[in-house]
């Protein structure tokens, strides 16, 4: 239940931003977290060794800032990361270099 409240809050934050979908996120910090938790460990096997391709594929699952936040929340369990709402925003800001949400 607590996770759902956090996800809803993050979705609300992302939905209200127009120019920057992750205004409270820090992309540099997000990149550090992404590397710290080895987030591409799952993606690499799915994408033939280049995990970053998962973000730019034509049939990607997430097509909105809200969806990206939700996906990060779900994937954090795969790498045993207990991310705070701020860390999720930071990772989303970093991943937006691939997604280019506005």
C-alpha atoms as a PDB file:
ATOM      1  CA  UNK A   1       0.000   0.000   0.000  1.00  0.00           C
ATOM      2  CA  UNK A   2       2.809   2.383   0.919  1.00  0.00           C
ATOM      3  CA  UNK A   3       4.478   1.774  -2.457  1.00  0.00           C
ATOM      4  CA  UNK A   4       1.232   2.544  -4.263  1.00  0.00           C
ATOM      5  CA  UNK A   5       0.955   5.877  -2.441  1.00  0.00           C
ATOM      6  CA  UNK A   6       4.539   6.724  -3.364  1.00  0.00           C
ATOM      7  CA  UNK A   7       3.967   5.738  -6.996  1.00  0.00           C
ATOM      8  CA  UNK A   8       0.780   7.816  -7.113  1.00  0.00           C
ATOM      9  CA  UNK A   9       2.605  10.815  -5.629  1.00  0.00           C
ATOM     10  CA  UNK A  10       5.410  10.464  -8.152  1.00  0.00           C
ATOM     11  CA  UNK A  11       2.960  10.095 -10.994  1.00  0.00           C
ATOM     12  CA  UNK A  12       1.225  13.272  -9.871  1.00  0.00           C
ATOM     13  CA  UNK A  13       4.509  15.139  -9.754  1.00  0.00           C
ATOM     14  CA  UNK A  14       5.486  13.921 -13.203  1.00  0.00           C
ATOM     15  CA  UNK A  15       2.062  14.729 -14.649  1.00  0.00           C
ATOM     16  CA  UNK A  16       2.136  18.347 -13.505  1.00  0.00           C
ATOM     17  CA  UNK A  17       5.484  19.117 -15.104  1.00  0.00           C
ATOM     18  CA  UNK A  18       5.242  20.331 -18.660  1.00  0.00           C
ATOM     19  CA  UNK A  19       8.697  21.456 -19.813  1.00  0.00           C
ATOM     20  CA  UNK A  20      10.623  19.009 -17.648  1.00  0.00           C
ATOM     21  CA  UNK A  21       8.832  15.779 -16.816  1.00  0.00           C
ATOM     22  CA  UNK A  22      11.169  15.137 -13.854  1.00  0.00           C
ATOM     23  CA  UNK A  23      11.829  18.623 -12.427  1.00  0.00           C
ATOM     24  CA  UNK A  24      12.892  17.298  -9.033  1.00  0.00           C
ATOM     25  CA  UNK A  25      15.179  14.661 -10.536  1.00  0.00           C
ATOM     26  CA  UNK A  26      18.925  14.997 -10.975  1.00  0.00           C
ATOM     27  CA  UNK A  27      20.129  13.107 -14.057  1.00  0.00           C
ATOM     28  CA  UNK A  28      23.737  12.899 -12.856  1.00  0.00           C
ATOM     29  CA  UNK A  29      22.663  11.373  -9.540  1.00  0.00           C
ATOM     30  CA  UNK A  30      20.292   9.106 -11.451  1.00  0.00           C
ATOM     31  CA  UNK A  31      23.124   7.810 -13.608  1.00  0.00           C
ATOM     32  CA  UNK A  32      25.181   7.055 -10.506  1.00  0.00           C
ATOM     33  CA  UNK A  33      22.256   5.161  -8.968  1.00  0.00           C
ATOM     34  CA  UNK A  34      21.593   3.315 -12.222  1.00  0.00           C
ATOM     35  CA  UNK A  35      25.207   2.152 -12.243  1.00  0.00           C
ATOM     36  CA  UNK A  36      25.350   1.474  -8.487  1.00  0.00           C
ATOM     37  CA  UNK A  37      22.390  -0.905  -8.652  1.00  0.00           C
ATOM     38  CA  UNK A  38      23.558  -2.370 -11.983  1.00  0.00           C
ATOM     39  CA  UNK A  39      20.136  -1.741 -13.478  1.00  0.00           C
ATOM     40  CA  UNK A  40      21.265  -2.977 -16.874  1.00  0.00           C
ATOM     41  CA  UNK A  41      22.011  -6.428 -15.453  1.00  0.00           C
ATOM     42  CA  UNK A  42      18.557  -7.590 -16.560  1.00  0.00           C
ATOM     43  CA  UNK A  43      18.434  -5.495 -19.709  1.00  0.00           C
ATOM     44  CA  UNK A  44      21.771  -6.778 -21.061  1.00  0.00           C
ATOM     45  CA  UNK A  45      20.536 -10.361 -21.329  1.00  0.00           C
ATOM     46  CA  UNK A  46      17.275  -9.262 -22.941  1.00  0.00           C
ATOM     47  CA  UNK A  47      18.966  -6.960 -25.456  1.00  0.00           C
ATOM     48  CA  UNK A  48      21.955  -9.019 -26.592  1.00  0.00           C
ATOM     49  CA  UNK A  49      24.502  -7.319 -24.337  1.00  0.00           C
ATOM     50  CA  UNK A  50      23.518  -3.670 -24.834  1.00  0.00           C
ATOM     51  CA  UNK A  51      20.976  -3.033 -22.094  1.00  0.00           C
ATOM     52  CA  UNK A  52      20.468   0.596 -23.077  1.00  0.00           C
ATOM     53  CA  UNK A  53      18.742  -0.562 -26.280  1.00  0.00           C
ATOM     54  CA  UNK A  54      15.728  -1.457 -24.139  1.00  0.00           C
ATOM     55  CA  UNK A  55      14.985   2.259 -23.767  1.00  0.00           C
ATOM     56  CA  UNK A  56      15.058   3.105 -27.467  1.00  0.00           C
ATOM     57  CA  UNK A  57      13.370   0.067 -29.023  1.00  0.00           C
ATOM     58  CA  UNK A  58      10.306   0.752 -31.132  1.00  0.00           C
ATOM     59  CA  UNK A  59       8.046  -1.479 -29.038  1.00  0.00           C
ATOM     60  CA  UNK A  60       9.141  -0.196 -25.631  1.00  0.00           C
ATOM     61  CA  UNK A  61       6.608  -0.602 -22.839  1.00  0.00           C
ATOM     62  CA  UNK A  62       6.770   2.876 -21.374  1.00  0.00           C
ATOM     63  CA  UNK A  63       5.642   5.802 -23.475  1.00  0.00           C
ATOM     64  CA  UNK A  64       5.019   8.440 -20.811  1.00  0.00           C
ATOM     65  CA  UNK A  65       6.864   9.947 -17.832  1.00  0.00           C
ATOM     66  CA  UNK A  66       4.310   8.374 -15.502  1.00  0.00           C
ATOM     67  CA  UNK A  67       4.869   4.974 -17.041  1.00  0.00           C
ATOM     68  CA  UNK A  68       8.630   5.312 -16.683  1.00  0.00           C
ATOM     69  CA  UNK A  69       8.305   6.131 -12.982  1.00  0.00           C
ATOM     70  CA  UNK A  70       6.063   3.104 -12.537  1.00  0.00           C
ATOM     71  CA  UNK A  71       8.529   0.859 -14.380  1.00  0.00           C
ATOM     72  CA  UNK A  72      11.472   2.066 -12.287  1.00  0.00           C
ATOM     73  CA  UNK A  73       9.485   1.324  -9.144  1.00  0.00           C
ATOM     74  CA  UNK A  74       8.714  -2.187 -10.337  1.00  0.00           C
ATOM     75  CA  UNK A  75      12.218  -2.924 -11.607  1.00  0.00           C
ATOM     76  CA  UNK A  76      13.889  -1.771  -8.404  1.00  0.00           C
ATOM     77  CA  UNK A  77      12.924  -5.075  -6.805  1.00  0.00           C
ATOM     78  CA  UNK A  78      14.769  -6.987  -9.526  1.00  0.00           C
ATOM     79  CA  UNK A  79      18.071  -5.482  -8.397  1.00  0.00           C
ATOM     80  CA  UNK A  80      17.196  -5.470  -4.694  1.00  0.00           C
ATOM     81  CA  UNK A  81      17.141  -1.684  -4.529  1.00  0.00           C
ATOM     82  CA  UNK A  82      14.878   0.036  -2.048  1.00  0.00           C
ATOM     83  CA  UNK A  83      14.601   3.347  -3.848  1.00  0.00           C
ATOM     84  CA  UNK A  84      13.251   6.491  -2.286  1.00  0.00           C
ATOM     85  CA  UNK A  85      10.847   8.681  -4.259  1.00  0.00           C
ATOM     86  CA  UNK A  86      13.748  11.093  -4.853  1.00  0.00           C
ATOM     87  CA  UNK A  87      15.975   8.326  -6.199  1.00  0.00           C
ATOM     88  CA  UNK A  88      13.213   7.228  -8.562  1.00  0.00           C
ATOM     89  CA  UNK A  89      12.929  10.785  -9.859  1.00  0.00           C
ATOM     90  CA  UNK A  90      16.713  10.954 -10.273  1.00  0.00           C
ATOM     91  CA  UNK A  91      16.830   7.707 -12.254  1.00  0.00           C
ATOM     92  CA  UNK A  92      13.870   8.844 -14.364  1.00  0.00           C
ATOM     93  CA  UNK A  93      15.656  12.121 -15.105  1.00  0.00           C
ATOM     94  CA  UNK A  94      18.718  10.148 -16.204  1.00  0.00           C
ATOM     95  CA  UNK A  95      16.724   7.712 -18.348  1.00  0.00           C
ATOM     96  CA  UNK A  96      14.984  10.627 -20.015  1.00  0.00           C
ATOM     97  CA  UNK A  97      18.151  11.077 -22.101  1.00  0.00           C
ATOM     98  CA  UNK A  98      16.873   7.993 -23.940  1.00  0.00           C
ATOM     99  CA  UNK A  99      13.132   8.596 -23.740  1.00  0.00           C
ATOM    100  CA  UNK A 100      13.172  12.353 -24.392  1.00  0.00           C
ATOM    101  CA  UNK A 101       9.836  12.997 -22.675  1.00  0.00           C
ATOM    102  CA  UNK A 102       8.716  16.629 -22.494  1.00  0.00           C
END
